[in-house]
Structures are given as C-alpha cells and as structure tokens.
C-alpha cells in the first residue's frame, strides 16, 4: 500500500476532496494508496478535524516553535521520511519550503495553485485575474520547484470569467474545479502515469484531454 502525506494550513477542503475521491474510487485496490498522514503547521487548522473524522493520523508541526525555515522544514522532513510516501501534497499549505526540502522530495511534492500558471503566481489570484480583465481563469497542479508556483505543470482546470463575477464567486467556481483536479493528479502520480524526469513532466497512458479540465 502506497502512502500519501497531505500538508495543510487551513480548512482542508482539498484534503476532503482527496479523502472522498479515494474512498469513492477505492484507492485501496491494486496498487493501493491511502492518505497515511496529515500534517499542519497551524494547531487550529479546521482541516485537522477532517482527518480526525476520517480516521487518518494527523500531527501539528507548528512553525512558530522553530527558529527559522530550515529548522521547521527539517522537522517536517523527519515526519514525512518515516512513511516514505509516493506523494506529498500541499493541499492549502501556506508556507514557502526551503530549496533543501524541495530537493529532498523532488518528483513527489505536488502543489495546487488557484490560477492558470504561469499567470498570477503568489497570493490574491482571483482579485488579480479580475483586475487584469482575463476571460479565462482556473487552477493548476504542478510539481514543486525552488521557484514559488513555478514548478513543472501536471494539469490545469479552466473556468470562464463571467461579466458579473466577484472575487468570491470566481473563487468558488475555481475551488469546485480544484476538488476534481487535485485528487486526479495525486492518483496519476502515485500510479506512475505522471512523473518528473530530467526533461520535465512525463505522461504515460493518459489522453491529452485529461490534462485540461474545462468548464462546460
């Protein structure tokens, strides 16, 4: 059984999507995968209750308890390496990871970002998309690199920007797509259908249309 580790900082809605999808699609069948641990850097993150309700082990590694990013990332690494996971998923994890951490878990570290990268990396993506007047917005799942929100792209989900959209309405529609896209990408990585190699993202056994989730 392959292990997945999920890192969260907040409500854990993408964690919920992963757990529900794994249950509905029987990720316990061959080759088998499960969320083996949920880690949060915030003791009061609501997503921890999701893990508790699902019977998934969870732990808090409070970044305030460590002197600097290197010490915090070392503590995270210790918990993660004990499980030797097939995938480490940043499911709303609001910390910038050190280059050493990223290098240690290269090819297994996955992030979801609420924009169509490379557009709008960083924060406030929905507001910035509206201000820029774009007609299409969305979400991206990518392998994590040393560059913030700059790692090789696995797949994307797109939604139209409607004339009457607000930041909240646009964010809600994008989040719905995140909940479909992220579990799909996690399973691809765990199954080896998507991997990171020296030339970028390698895909095997997936039709190209699967890599772009369109709002219809």
N, C-alpha and C. Protein backbone atom coordinates (compact mmCIF):
# COMPACT_ATOMS: atom_id res chain seq x y z
N UNK A 1 0.84 -1.19 0.00
CA UNK A 1 0.00 0.00 0.00
C UNK A 1 0.88 1.25 0.00
N UNK A 2 0.71 2.09 -1.00
CA UNK A 2 1.49 3.32 -1.09
C UNK A 2 0.89 4.40 -0.19
N UNK A 3 1.76 5.23 0.35
CA UNK A 3 1.34 6.26 1.29
C UNK A 3 1.32 7.64 0.62
N UNK A 4 0.37 8.46 1.04
CA UNK A 4 0.26 9.85 0.64
C UNK A 4 0.29 10.69 1.91
N UNK A 5 1.08 11.76 1.91
CA UNK A 5 1.09 12.71 3.01
C UNK A 5 0.51 14.02 2.52
N UNK A 6 -0.43 14.58 3.26
CA UNK A 6 -1.05 15.85 2.90
C UNK A 6 -0.65 16.92 3.91
N UNK A 7 -0.21 18.06 3.41
CA UNK A 7 0.15 19.20 4.24
C UNK A 7 -0.91 20.27 4.10
N UNK A 8 -1.41 20.76 5.23
CA UNK A 8 -2.48 21.75 5.21
C UNK A 8 -2.16 22.88 6.18
N UNK A 9 -2.85 24.00 5.97
CA UNK A 9 -2.74 25.12 6.90
C UNK A 9 -4.11 25.65 7.34
N UNK A 10 -5.17 25.27 6.61
CA UNK A 10 -6.46 25.88 6.88
C UNK A 10 -7.60 24.90 6.91
N UNK A 11 -8.65 25.23 6.15
CA UNK A 11 -9.92 24.48 6.24
C UNK A 11 -9.83 23.07 5.70
N UNK A 12 -8.91 22.82 4.77
CA UNK A 12 -8.72 21.46 4.28
C UNK A 12 -9.74 20.99 3.27
N UNK A 13 -10.31 21.90 2.47
CA UNK A 13 -11.32 21.46 1.51
C UNK A 13 -10.71 20.56 0.43
N UNK A 14 -9.48 20.82 0.03
CA UNK A 14 -8.83 19.93 -0.94
C UNK A 14 -8.45 18.59 -0.30
N UNK A 15 -8.12 18.61 0.98
CA UNK A 15 -7.92 17.35 1.70
C UNK A 15 -9.20 16.53 1.69
N UNK A 16 -10.33 17.17 1.96
CA UNK A 16 -11.61 16.47 1.93
C UNK A 16 -11.85 15.85 0.56
N UNK A 17 -11.55 16.59 -0.50
CA UNK A 17 -11.75 16.07 -1.85
C UNK A 17 -10.90 14.84 -2.10
N UNK A 18 -9.65 14.85 -1.64
CA UNK A 18 -8.77 13.70 -1.81
C UNK A 18 -9.32 12.49 -1.05
N UNK A 19 -9.72 12.70 0.18
CA UNK A 19 -10.23 11.61 1.00
C UNK A 19 -11.52 11.03 0.42
N UNK A 20 -12.42 11.89 -0.02
CA UNK A 20 -13.69 11.41 -0.57
C UNK A 20 -13.49 10.69 -1.89
N UNK A 21 -12.58 11.21 -2.73
CA UNK A 21 -12.33 10.57 -4.01
C UNK A 21 -11.67 9.21 -3.82
N UNK A 22 -10.73 9.15 -2.90
CA UNK A 22 -10.05 7.88 -2.64
C UNK A 22 -11.04 6.83 -2.15
N UNK A 23 -11.98 7.25 -1.34
CA UNK A 23 -12.98 6.32 -0.82
C UNK A 23 -13.93 5.89 -1.93
N UNK A 24 -14.40 6.84 -2.74
CA UNK A 24 -15.37 6.53 -3.78
C UNK A 24 -14.77 5.68 -4.89
N UNK A 25 -13.51 5.89 -5.19
CA UNK A 25 -12.86 5.17 -6.29
C UNK A 25 -12.03 3.98 -5.82
N UNK A 26 -12.13 3.66 -4.55
CA UNK A 26 -11.44 2.51 -3.98
C UNK A 26 -9.95 2.53 -4.30
N UNK A 27 -9.29 3.55 -3.77
CA UNK A 27 -7.85 3.63 -3.92
C UNK A 27 -7.15 2.52 -3.14
N UNK A 28 -7.93 1.76 -2.36
CA UNK A 28 -7.32 0.65 -1.65
C UNK A 28 -7.14 -0.58 -2.54
N UNK A 29 -7.63 -0.50 -3.79
CA UNK A 29 -7.42 -1.61 -4.72
C UNK A 29 -6.02 -1.51 -5.30
N UNK A 30 -5.59 -2.58 -5.96
CA UNK A 30 -4.24 -2.65 -6.51
C UNK A 30 -3.98 -1.49 -7.47
N UNK A 31 -2.88 -0.73 -7.36
CA UNK A 31 -1.73 -0.96 -6.49
C UNK A 31 -1.91 -0.49 -5.05
N UNK A 32 -2.95 0.23 -4.79
CA UNK A 32 -3.26 0.63 -3.43
C UNK A 32 -2.58 1.91 -2.99
N UNK A 33 -3.38 2.84 -2.50
CA UNK A 33 -2.84 4.09 -1.98
C UNK A 33 -3.78 4.62 -0.91
N UNK A 34 -3.21 5.31 0.06
CA UNK A 34 -4.03 5.86 1.15
C UNK A 34 -3.35 7.11 1.68
N UNK A 35 -4.15 8.02 2.21
CA UNK A 35 -3.60 9.15 2.94
C UNK A 35 -3.15 8.62 4.30
N UNK A 36 -1.85 8.57 4.51
CA UNK A 36 -1.30 7.96 5.71
C UNK A 36 -1.06 8.97 6.82
N UNK A 37 -0.98 10.26 6.46
CA UNK A 37 -0.69 11.27 7.46
C UNK A 37 -1.10 12.64 6.94
N UNK A 38 -1.70 13.42 7.83
CA UNK A 38 -1.99 14.84 7.56
C UNK A 38 -1.14 15.67 8.51
N UNK A 39 -0.39 16.60 7.96
CA UNK A 39 0.46 17.48 8.76
C UNK A 39 -0.01 18.92 8.59
N UNK A 40 -0.09 19.64 9.70
CA UNK A 40 -0.46 21.05 9.65
C UNK A 40 0.55 21.89 10.40
N UNK A 41 0.84 23.07 9.88
CA UNK A 41 1.71 24.00 10.59
C UNK A 41 0.92 24.90 11.53
N UNK A 42 -0.40 24.75 11.55
CA UNK A 42 -1.26 25.56 12.41
C UNK A 42 -2.09 24.66 13.32
N UNK A 43 -1.93 24.79 14.64
CA UNK A 43 -2.63 23.90 15.58
C UNK A 43 -4.14 23.95 15.46
N UNK A 44 -4.69 25.07 15.03
CA UNK A 44 -6.15 25.22 14.97
C UNK A 44 -6.69 25.13 13.55
N UNK A 45 -5.95 24.57 12.66
CA UNK A 45 -6.43 24.42 11.29
C UNK A 45 -7.68 23.54 11.27
N UNK A 46 -8.79 24.04 10.73
CA UNK A 46 -10.03 23.24 10.70
C UNK A 46 -9.88 21.91 9.98
N UNK A 47 -8.94 21.84 9.03
CA UNK A 47 -8.75 20.59 8.30
C UNK A 47 -8.31 19.42 9.15
N UNK A 48 -7.77 19.70 10.33
CA UNK A 48 -7.38 18.61 11.22
C UNK A 48 -8.60 17.81 11.67
N UNK A 49 -9.74 18.48 11.81
CA UNK A 49 -10.95 17.76 12.19
C UNK A 49 -11.39 16.81 11.09
N UNK A 50 -11.16 17.18 9.84
CA UNK A 50 -11.47 16.27 8.73
C UNK A 50 -10.66 14.99 8.85
N UNK A 51 -9.37 15.15 9.15
CA UNK A 51 -8.52 13.96 9.31
C UNK A 51 -9.02 13.11 10.47
N UNK A 52 -9.34 13.77 11.57
CA UNK A 52 -9.84 13.03 12.74
C UNK A 52 -11.11 12.26 12.39
N UNK A 53 -12.04 12.90 11.72
CA UNK A 53 -13.31 12.25 11.37
C UNK A 53 -13.10 11.09 10.41
N UNK A 54 -12.07 11.19 9.56
CA UNK A 54 -11.81 10.13 8.59
C UNK A 54 -10.92 9.02 9.15
N UNK A 55 -10.47 9.19 10.38
CA UNK A 55 -9.60 8.18 10.97
C UNK A 55 -8.20 8.19 10.41
N UNK A 56 -7.77 9.34 9.88
CA UNK A 56 -6.44 9.46 9.30
C UNK A 56 -5.49 10.05 10.35
N UNK A 57 -4.34 9.48 10.57
CA UNK A 57 -3.39 10.06 11.52
C UNK A 57 -3.03 11.49 11.15
N UNK A 58 -2.91 12.34 12.14
CA UNK A 58 -2.55 13.74 11.87
C UNK A 58 -1.61 14.23 12.95
N UNK A 59 -0.89 15.28 12.62
CA UNK A 59 0.08 15.85 13.55
C UNK A 59 0.25 17.32 13.24
N UNK A 60 0.54 18.10 14.25
CA UNK A 60 0.83 19.52 14.09
C UNK A 60 2.33 19.73 14.26
N UNK A 61 2.91 20.40 13.26
CA UNK A 61 4.30 20.86 13.36
C UNK A 61 4.22 22.38 13.26
N UNK A 62 4.10 23.02 14.40
CA UNK A 62 3.85 24.46 14.46
C UNK A 62 5.12 25.22 14.07
N UNK A 63 5.04 26.00 13.00
CA UNK A 63 6.24 26.70 12.54
C UNK A 63 6.72 27.75 13.54
N UNK A 64 5.84 28.20 14.43
CA UNK A 64 6.24 29.17 15.45
C UNK A 64 7.20 28.57 16.48
N UNK A 65 7.24 27.24 16.55
CA UNK A 65 8.07 26.57 17.54
C UNK A 65 9.51 26.39 17.07
N UNK A 66 9.82 26.84 15.86
CA UNK A 66 11.15 26.59 15.30
C UNK A 66 11.82 27.91 14.94
N UNK A 67 13.12 27.93 15.08
CA UNK A 67 13.90 29.13 14.78
C UNK A 67 14.32 29.11 13.30
N UNK A 68 13.42 29.56 12.48
CA UNK A 68 13.75 29.67 11.07
C UNK A 68 13.17 28.55 10.22
N UNK A 69 13.18 28.78 8.92
CA UNK A 69 12.59 27.86 7.96
C UNK A 69 13.34 26.55 7.88
N UNK A 70 14.66 26.58 8.00
CA UNK A 70 15.44 25.34 7.90
C UNK A 70 15.08 24.36 9.01
N UNK A 71 14.95 24.88 10.22
CA UNK A 71 14.62 24.02 11.35
C UNK A 71 13.20 23.45 11.21
N UNK A 72 12.28 24.30 10.76
CA UNK A 72 10.90 23.84 10.57
C UNK A 72 10.84 22.77 9.49
N UNK A 73 11.50 23.01 8.37
CA UNK A 73 11.48 22.03 7.28
C UNK A 73 12.16 20.73 7.67
N UNK A 74 13.17 20.80 8.51
CA UNK A 74 13.82 19.58 8.99
C UNK A 74 12.86 18.75 9.82
N UNK A 75 12.05 19.43 10.64
CA UNK A 75 11.05 18.71 11.45
C UNK A 75 9.99 18.07 10.56
N UNK A 76 9.54 18.79 9.53
CA UNK A 76 8.59 18.22 8.58
C UNK A 76 9.19 17.00 7.88
N UNK A 77 10.42 17.14 7.44
CA UNK A 77 11.08 16.05 6.71
C UNK A 77 11.16 14.78 7.55
N UNK A 78 11.43 14.95 8.82
CA UNK A 78 11.53 13.78 9.70
C UNK A 78 10.24 13.00 9.75
N UNK A 79 9.10 13.70 9.84
CA UNK A 79 7.80 13.02 9.88
C UNK A 79 7.49 12.37 8.54
N UNK A 80 7.81 13.06 7.48
CA UNK A 80 7.46 12.56 6.14
C UNK A 80 8.31 11.36 5.76
N UNK A 81 9.60 11.44 6.00
CA UNK A 81 10.50 10.37 5.56
C UNK A 81 10.21 9.05 6.27
N UNK A 82 9.66 9.12 7.46
CA UNK A 82 9.33 7.89 8.17
C UNK A 82 8.32 7.04 7.42
N UNK A 83 7.52 7.68 6.55
CA UNK A 83 6.48 6.97 5.80
C UNK A 83 6.90 6.64 4.37
N UNK A 84 7.99 7.25 3.89
CA UNK A 84 8.44 7.06 2.52
C UNK A 84 7.27 7.16 1.54
N UNK A 85 6.57 8.31 1.52
CA UNK A 85 5.35 8.40 0.71
C UNK A 85 5.62 8.48 -0.79
N UNK A 86 4.64 8.03 -1.55
CA UNK A 86 4.70 8.14 -3.00
C UNK A 86 4.38 9.55 -3.46
N UNK A 87 3.64 10.31 -2.64
CA UNK A 87 3.29 11.68 -2.98
C UNK A 87 3.14 12.49 -1.70
N UNK A 88 3.61 13.73 -1.75
CA UNK A 88 3.42 14.70 -0.67
C UNK A 88 2.64 15.85 -1.27
N UNK A 89 1.43 16.08 -0.77
CA UNK A 89 0.51 17.00 -1.41
C UNK A 89 0.36 18.26 -0.56
N UNK A 90 0.67 19.41 -1.16
CA UNK A 90 0.42 20.69 -0.49
C UNK A 90 -1.02 21.08 -0.80
N UNK A 91 -1.90 20.76 0.12
CA UNK A 91 -3.34 20.98 -0.07
C UNK A 91 -3.76 22.20 0.74
N UNK A 92 -3.33 23.38 0.26
CA UNK A 92 -3.58 24.59 1.02
C UNK A 92 -2.57 24.77 2.13
N UNK A 93 -1.32 24.49 1.84
CA UNK A 93 -0.24 24.64 2.83
C UNK A 93 0.43 25.98 2.59
N UNK A 94 0.29 26.88 3.55
CA UNK A 94 0.68 28.27 3.35
C UNK A 94 2.07 28.56 3.93
N UNK A 95 3.03 27.78 3.48
CA UNK A 95 4.42 28.00 3.86
C UNK A 95 5.30 27.83 2.63
N UNK A 96 6.30 28.70 2.52
CA UNK A 96 7.28 28.56 1.44
C UNK A 96 8.37 27.60 1.92
N UNK A 97 8.58 26.54 1.17
CA UNK A 97 9.52 25.50 1.57
C UNK A 97 10.93 25.83 1.11
N UNK A 98 11.91 25.39 1.87
CA UNK A 98 13.30 25.67 1.55
C UNK A 98 13.76 24.85 0.35
N UNK A 99 14.78 25.33 -0.37
CA UNK A 99 15.31 24.55 -1.51
C UNK A 99 15.76 23.15 -1.10
N UNK A 100 16.31 23.01 0.09
CA UNK A 100 16.75 21.69 0.53
C UNK A 100 15.60 20.72 0.69
N UNK A 101 14.49 21.21 1.23
CA UNK A 101 13.30 20.37 1.38
C UNK A 101 12.77 19.96 0.01
N UNK A 102 12.68 20.93 -0.89
CA UNK A 102 12.17 20.64 -2.23
C UNK A 102 13.06 19.62 -2.95
N UNK A 103 14.37 19.77 -2.83
CA UNK A 103 15.28 18.84 -3.47
C UNK A 103 15.16 17.43 -2.89
N UNK A 104 14.95 17.34 -1.60
CA UNK A 104 14.85 16.04 -0.93
C UNK A 104 13.67 15.22 -1.45
N UNK A 105 12.57 15.91 -1.75
CA UNK A 105 11.35 15.20 -2.16
C UNK A 105 11.00 15.47 -3.62
N UNK A 106 11.99 15.82 -4.41
CA UNK A 106 11.75 16.15 -5.82
C UNK A 106 11.00 15.01 -6.52
N UNK A 107 9.99 15.40 -7.28
CA UNK A 107 9.21 14.43 -8.04
C UNK A 107 8.07 13.82 -7.26
N UNK A 108 8.01 14.08 -5.96
CA UNK A 108 6.90 13.58 -5.15
C UNK A 108 6.09 14.71 -4.52
N UNK A 109 6.58 15.92 -4.65
CA UNK A 109 6.00 17.08 -3.98
C UNK A 109 5.08 17.81 -4.96
N UNK A 110 3.78 17.87 -4.64
CA UNK A 110 2.75 18.37 -5.53
C UNK A 110 2.02 19.54 -4.87
N UNK A 111 1.74 20.58 -5.65
CA UNK A 111 1.01 21.73 -5.13
C UNK A 111 -0.16 22.06 -6.05
N UNK A 112 -1.23 22.62 -5.46
CA UNK A 112 -2.31 23.16 -6.26
C UNK A 112 -2.37 24.65 -6.04
N UNK A 113 -2.49 25.38 -7.16
CA UNK A 113 -2.49 26.85 -7.10
C UNK A 113 -3.72 27.38 -7.81
N UNK A 114 -4.40 28.37 -7.24
CA UNK A 114 -5.66 28.85 -7.82
C UNK A 114 -5.48 29.89 -8.93
N UNK A 115 -4.77 29.51 -9.97
CA UNK A 115 -4.70 30.30 -11.20
C UNK A 115 -4.17 29.40 -12.30
N UNK A 116 -4.26 29.89 -13.52
CA UNK A 116 -3.68 29.18 -14.65
C UNK A 116 -2.23 29.63 -14.78
N UNK A 117 -1.36 28.97 -14.05
CA UNK A 117 0.05 29.32 -14.12
C UNK A 117 0.55 29.18 -15.56
N UNK A 118 1.49 30.03 -15.96
CA UNK A 118 2.30 30.93 -15.14
C UNK A 118 1.66 32.26 -14.78
N UNK A 119 0.38 32.47 -15.12
CA UNK A 119 -0.29 33.71 -14.74
C UNK A 119 -0.61 33.71 -13.25
N UNK A 120 -0.42 34.85 -12.63
CA UNK A 120 -0.84 35.10 -11.25
C UNK A 120 -0.27 34.12 -10.22
N UNK A 121 1.03 33.97 -10.16
CA UNK A 121 1.61 33.23 -9.04
C UNK A 121 1.44 34.03 -7.76
N UNK A 122 1.59 33.36 -6.63
CA UNK A 122 1.50 34.06 -5.35
C UNK A 122 0.07 34.19 -4.85
N UNK A 123 -0.19 35.28 -4.13
CA UNK A 123 -1.46 35.46 -3.43
C UNK A 123 -2.45 36.28 -4.25
N UNK A 124 -3.70 36.31 -3.75
CA UNK A 124 -4.77 37.16 -4.29
C UNK A 124 -4.99 36.92 -5.78
N UNK A 125 -5.00 35.68 -6.18
CA UNK A 125 -5.07 35.37 -7.61
C UNK A 125 -6.39 35.78 -8.24
N UNK A 126 -7.50 35.60 -7.54
CA UNK A 126 -8.80 35.89 -8.13
C UNK A 126 -9.00 37.40 -8.30
N UNK A 127 -8.60 38.16 -7.33
CA UNK A 127 -8.67 39.62 -7.45
C UNK A 127 -7.80 40.10 -8.61
N UNK A 128 -6.61 39.57 -8.70
CA UNK A 128 -5.70 40.00 -9.76
C UNK A 128 -6.21 39.60 -11.14
N UNK A 129 -6.85 38.42 -11.23
CA UNK A 129 -7.42 37.99 -12.51
C UNK A 129 -8.53 38.94 -12.95
N UNK A 130 -9.39 39.34 -12.01
CA UNK A 130 -10.46 40.28 -12.34
C UNK A 130 -9.91 41.64 -12.73
N UNK A 131 -8.91 42.09 -12.01
CA UNK A 131 -8.31 43.39 -12.32
C UNK A 131 -7.63 43.38 -13.68
N UNK A 132 -7.09 42.24 -14.07
CA UNK A 132 -6.40 42.14 -15.36
C UNK A 132 -7.38 42.00 -16.53
N UNK A 133 -8.65 41.71 -16.22
CA UNK A 133 -9.64 41.58 -17.27
C UNK A 133 -9.55 40.30 -18.09
N UNK A 134 -8.97 39.24 -17.51
CA UNK A 134 -8.86 37.98 -18.26
C UNK A 134 -10.24 37.37 -18.45
N UNK A 135 -10.39 36.59 -19.47
CA UNK A 135 -11.67 35.93 -19.76
C UNK A 135 -11.69 34.48 -19.32
N UNK A 136 -10.53 33.93 -19.01
CA UNK A 136 -10.42 32.54 -18.54
C UNK A 136 -9.52 32.52 -17.32
N UNK A 137 -9.92 31.80 -16.31
CA UNK A 137 -9.17 31.68 -15.06
C UNK A 137 -9.19 30.20 -14.69
N UNK A 138 -8.61 29.82 -13.57
CA UNK A 138 -8.65 28.40 -13.21
C UNK A 138 -7.67 28.01 -12.14
N UNK A 139 -7.23 26.77 -12.20
CA UNK A 139 -6.34 26.20 -11.19
C UNK A 139 -5.30 25.33 -11.87
N UNK A 140 -4.17 25.18 -11.20
CA UNK A 140 -3.04 24.41 -11.73
C UNK A 140 -2.49 23.48 -10.65
N UNK A 141 -2.24 22.24 -11.03
CA UNK A 141 -1.49 21.33 -10.17
C UNK A 141 -0.10 21.17 -10.80
N UNK A 142 0.92 21.33 -9.98
CA UNK A 142 2.29 21.28 -10.50
C UNK A 142 3.22 20.62 -9.50
N UNK A 143 4.33 20.09 -10.02
CA UNK A 143 5.40 19.65 -9.15
C UNK A 143 6.06 20.88 -8.54
N UNK A 144 6.45 20.78 -7.30
CA UNK A 144 7.05 21.91 -6.60
C UNK A 144 8.52 22.02 -6.97
N UNK A 145 8.94 23.24 -7.24
CA UNK A 145 10.34 23.54 -7.50
C UNK A 145 10.80 24.64 -6.55
N UNK A 146 12.05 25.04 -6.69
CA UNK A 146 12.57 26.10 -5.83
C UNK A 146 11.92 27.45 -6.13
N UNK A 147 11.35 27.60 -7.30
CA UNK A 147 10.68 28.84 -7.68
C UNK A 147 9.23 28.80 -7.22
N UNK A 148 8.78 29.80 -6.50
CA UNK A 148 7.42 29.83 -5.98
C UNK A 148 6.40 29.73 -7.12
N UNK A 149 5.54 28.70 -7.04
CA UNK A 149 4.49 28.47 -8.04
C UNK A 149 5.06 28.37 -9.45
N UNK A 150 6.32 27.92 -9.55
CA UNK A 150 6.97 27.87 -10.85
C UNK A 150 7.37 26.49 -11.30
N UNK A 151 6.95 25.45 -10.60
CA UNK A 151 7.36 24.10 -10.96
C UNK A 151 6.64 23.58 -12.19
N UNK A 152 7.13 22.48 -12.77
CA UNK A 152 6.53 21.90 -13.97
C UNK A 152 5.06 21.55 -13.77
N UNK A 153 4.25 21.93 -14.74
CA UNK A 153 2.79 21.77 -14.64
C UNK A 153 2.38 20.35 -14.98
N UNK A 154 1.50 19.80 -14.12
CA UNK A 154 0.93 18.47 -14.36
C UNK A 154 -0.36 18.60 -15.15
N UNK A 155 -1.30 19.40 -14.65
CA UNK A 155 -2.60 19.56 -15.31
C UNK A 155 -3.25 20.85 -14.83
N UNK A 156 -4.26 21.31 -15.60
CA UNK A 156 -4.95 22.54 -15.25
C UNK A 156 -6.46 22.38 -15.44
N UNK A 157 -7.19 23.22 -14.73
CA UNK A 157 -8.64 23.30 -14.87
C UNK A 157 -9.00 24.74 -15.17
N UNK A 158 -9.87 24.96 -16.17
CA UNK A 158 -10.20 26.30 -16.60
C UNK A 158 -11.68 26.59 -16.41
N UNK A 159 -11.98 27.82 -16.03
CA UNK A 159 -13.36 28.30 -15.93
C UNK A 159 -13.44 29.66 -16.61
N UNK A 160 -14.58 30.00 -17.22
CA UNK A 160 -14.72 31.34 -17.80
C UNK A 160 -14.89 32.37 -16.70
N UNK A 161 -14.42 33.57 -16.95
CA UNK A 161 -14.68 34.68 -16.06
C UNK A 161 -15.94 35.37 -16.58
N UNK A 162 -16.99 35.40 -15.76
CA UNK A 162 -18.28 35.93 -16.18
C UNK A 162 -18.34 37.45 -15.96
N UNK A 163 -19.17 38.15 -16.73
CA UNK A 163 -19.23 39.60 -16.62
C UNK A 163 -19.57 40.10 -15.22
N UNK A 164 -20.39 39.36 -14.50
CA UNK A 164 -20.80 39.81 -13.16
C UNK A 164 -20.02 39.14 -12.03
N UNK A 165 -18.90 38.51 -12.36
CA UNK A 165 -18.13 37.81 -11.33
C UNK A 165 -17.57 38.79 -10.30
N UNK A 166 -17.62 38.34 -9.06
CA UNK A 166 -16.89 38.98 -7.98
C UNK A 166 -15.72 38.08 -7.61
N UNK A 167 -14.85 38.59 -6.76
CA UNK A 167 -13.74 37.75 -6.30
C UNK A 167 -14.26 36.48 -5.65
N UNK A 168 -15.34 36.61 -4.85
CA UNK A 168 -15.88 35.45 -4.14
C UNK A 168 -16.51 34.45 -5.10
N UNK A 169 -17.29 34.92 -6.06
CA UNK A 169 -17.96 33.99 -6.98
C UNK A 169 -16.96 33.27 -7.87
N UNK A 170 -15.94 33.99 -8.32
CA UNK A 170 -14.91 33.36 -9.15
C UNK A 170 -14.13 32.35 -8.34
N UNK A 171 -13.77 32.69 -7.12
CA UNK A 171 -13.03 31.76 -6.25
C UNK A 171 -13.83 30.49 -6.01
N UNK A 172 -15.14 30.62 -5.83
CA UNK A 172 -15.96 29.44 -5.54
C UNK A 172 -15.99 28.49 -6.73
N UNK A 173 -16.08 29.02 -7.95
CA UNK A 173 -16.11 28.15 -9.13
C UNK A 173 -14.76 27.50 -9.36
N UNK A 174 -13.70 28.24 -9.14
CA UNK A 174 -12.37 27.65 -9.28
C UNK A 174 -12.16 26.55 -8.25
N UNK A 175 -12.62 26.77 -7.03
CA UNK A 175 -12.45 25.76 -5.98
C UNK A 175 -13.16 24.46 -6.33
N UNK A 176 -14.32 24.56 -6.96
CA UNK A 176 -15.01 23.35 -7.39
C UNK A 176 -14.13 22.53 -8.34
N UNK A 177 -13.44 23.21 -9.22
CA UNK A 177 -12.54 22.52 -10.15
C UNK A 177 -11.31 21.96 -9.43
N UNK A 178 -10.82 22.69 -8.44
CA UNK A 178 -9.68 22.19 -7.66
C UNK A 178 -10.02 20.84 -7.05
N UNK A 179 -11.24 20.70 -6.56
CA UNK A 179 -11.64 19.48 -5.87
C UNK A 179 -11.73 18.28 -6.81
N UNK A 180 -11.83 18.52 -8.10
CA UNK A 180 -11.78 17.45 -9.09
C UNK A 180 -10.35 17.21 -9.55
N UNK A 181 -9.66 18.31 -9.82
CA UNK A 181 -8.33 18.23 -10.42
C UNK A 181 -7.28 17.62 -9.50
N UNK A 182 -7.22 18.08 -8.26
CA UNK A 182 -6.15 17.63 -7.38
C UNK A 182 -6.18 16.13 -7.10
N UNK A 183 -7.31 15.54 -6.70
CA UNK A 183 -7.31 14.08 -6.48
C UNK A 183 -6.91 13.30 -7.73
N UNK A 184 -7.33 13.79 -8.89
CA UNK A 184 -6.98 13.13 -10.14
C UNK A 184 -5.46 13.11 -10.34
N UNK A 185 -4.83 14.26 -10.10
CA UNK A 185 -3.39 14.36 -10.29
C UNK A 185 -2.63 13.55 -9.26
N UNK A 186 -3.11 13.54 -8.03
CA UNK A 186 -2.45 12.75 -6.99
C UNK A 186 -2.44 11.28 -7.38
N UNK A 187 -3.56 10.79 -7.86
CA UNK A 187 -3.61 9.38 -8.23
C UNK A 187 -2.68 9.09 -9.41
N UNK A 188 -2.64 9.99 -10.38
CA UNK A 188 -1.73 9.79 -11.52
C UNK A 188 -0.28 9.67 -11.06
N UNK A 189 0.11 10.53 -10.14
CA UNK A 189 1.49 10.50 -9.66
C UNK A 189 1.76 9.21 -8.89
N UNK A 190 0.84 8.83 -8.03
CA UNK A 190 1.00 7.60 -7.24
C UNK A 190 1.07 6.38 -8.14
N UNK A 191 0.27 6.38 -9.20
CA UNK A 191 0.25 5.23 -10.12
C UNK A 191 1.39 5.25 -11.13
N UNK A 192 2.17 6.34 -11.16
CA UNK A 192 3.27 6.43 -12.10
C UNK A 192 2.88 6.86 -13.50
N UNK A 193 1.63 7.29 -13.69
CA UNK A 193 1.21 7.75 -15.01
C UNK A 193 1.76 9.14 -15.32
N UNK A 194 2.06 9.90 -14.28
CA UNK A 194 2.71 11.20 -14.43
C UNK A 194 3.93 11.20 -13.52
N UNK A 195 5.06 11.62 -14.05
CA UNK A 195 6.27 11.66 -13.24
C UNK A 195 7.15 12.83 -13.69
N UNK A 196 8.06 13.20 -12.84
CA UNK A 196 9.00 14.26 -13.15
C UNK A 196 10.33 13.63 -13.52
N UNK A 197 10.82 13.96 -14.70
CA UNK A 197 12.14 13.48 -15.09
C UNK A 197 13.02 14.66 -15.48
N UNK A 198 14.18 14.38 -16.03
CA UNK A 198 15.14 15.45 -16.32
C UNK A 198 14.62 16.45 -17.35
N UNK A 199 13.69 16.02 -18.19
CA UNK A 199 13.17 16.89 -19.25
C UNK A 199 11.86 17.58 -18.88
N UNK A 200 11.36 17.32 -17.69
CA UNK A 200 10.08 17.90 -17.28
C UNK A 200 9.08 16.84 -16.90
N UNK A 201 7.82 17.10 -17.16
CA UNK A 201 6.76 16.17 -16.79
C UNK A 201 6.58 15.13 -17.90
N UNK A 202 6.67 13.86 -17.52
CA UNK A 202 6.45 12.76 -18.45
C UNK A 202 5.09 12.13 -18.16
N UNK A 203 4.32 11.88 -19.21
CA UNK A 203 2.97 11.35 -19.08
C UNK A 203 2.88 10.05 -19.87
N UNK A 204 2.30 9.02 -19.25
CA UNK A 204 2.13 7.73 -19.90
C UNK A 204 0.71 7.23 -19.68
N UNK A 205 0.06 6.82 -20.76
CA UNK A 205 -1.23 6.18 -20.64
C UNK A 205 -2.38 7.11 -20.36
N UNK A 206 -2.22 8.42 -20.61
CA UNK A 206 -3.29 9.39 -20.39
C UNK A 206 -3.53 10.15 -21.69
N UNK A 207 -4.78 10.28 -22.12
CA UNK A 207 -5.06 11.12 -23.29
C UNK A 207 -4.82 12.58 -22.94
N UNK A 208 -4.34 13.38 -23.88
CA UNK A 208 -4.03 14.78 -23.60
C UNK A 208 -5.19 15.56 -23.01
N UNK A 209 -6.43 15.22 -23.40
CA UNK A 209 -7.58 15.95 -22.89
C UNK A 209 -7.74 15.81 -21.38
N UNK A 210 -7.21 14.75 -20.82
CA UNK A 210 -7.31 14.54 -19.38
C UNK A 210 -6.52 15.60 -18.59
N UNK A 211 -5.53 16.19 -19.24
CA UNK A 211 -4.66 17.12 -18.55
C UNK A 211 -5.22 18.54 -18.50
N UNK A 212 -6.37 18.77 -19.14
CA UNK A 212 -7.03 20.07 -19.07
C UNK A 212 -8.50 19.85 -18.79
N UNK A 213 -8.93 20.27 -17.63
CA UNK A 213 -10.32 20.14 -17.21
C UNK A 213 -11.05 21.43 -17.53
N UNK A 214 -11.96 21.37 -18.49
CA UNK A 214 -12.66 22.56 -18.96
C UNK A 214 -14.03 22.66 -18.33
N UNK A 215 -14.44 23.90 -18.06
CA UNK A 215 -15.80 24.15 -17.56
C UNK A 215 -16.75 24.19 -18.76
N UNK A 216 -17.69 23.29 -18.76
CA UNK A 216 -18.65 23.23 -19.88
C UNK A 216 -20.04 23.52 -19.36
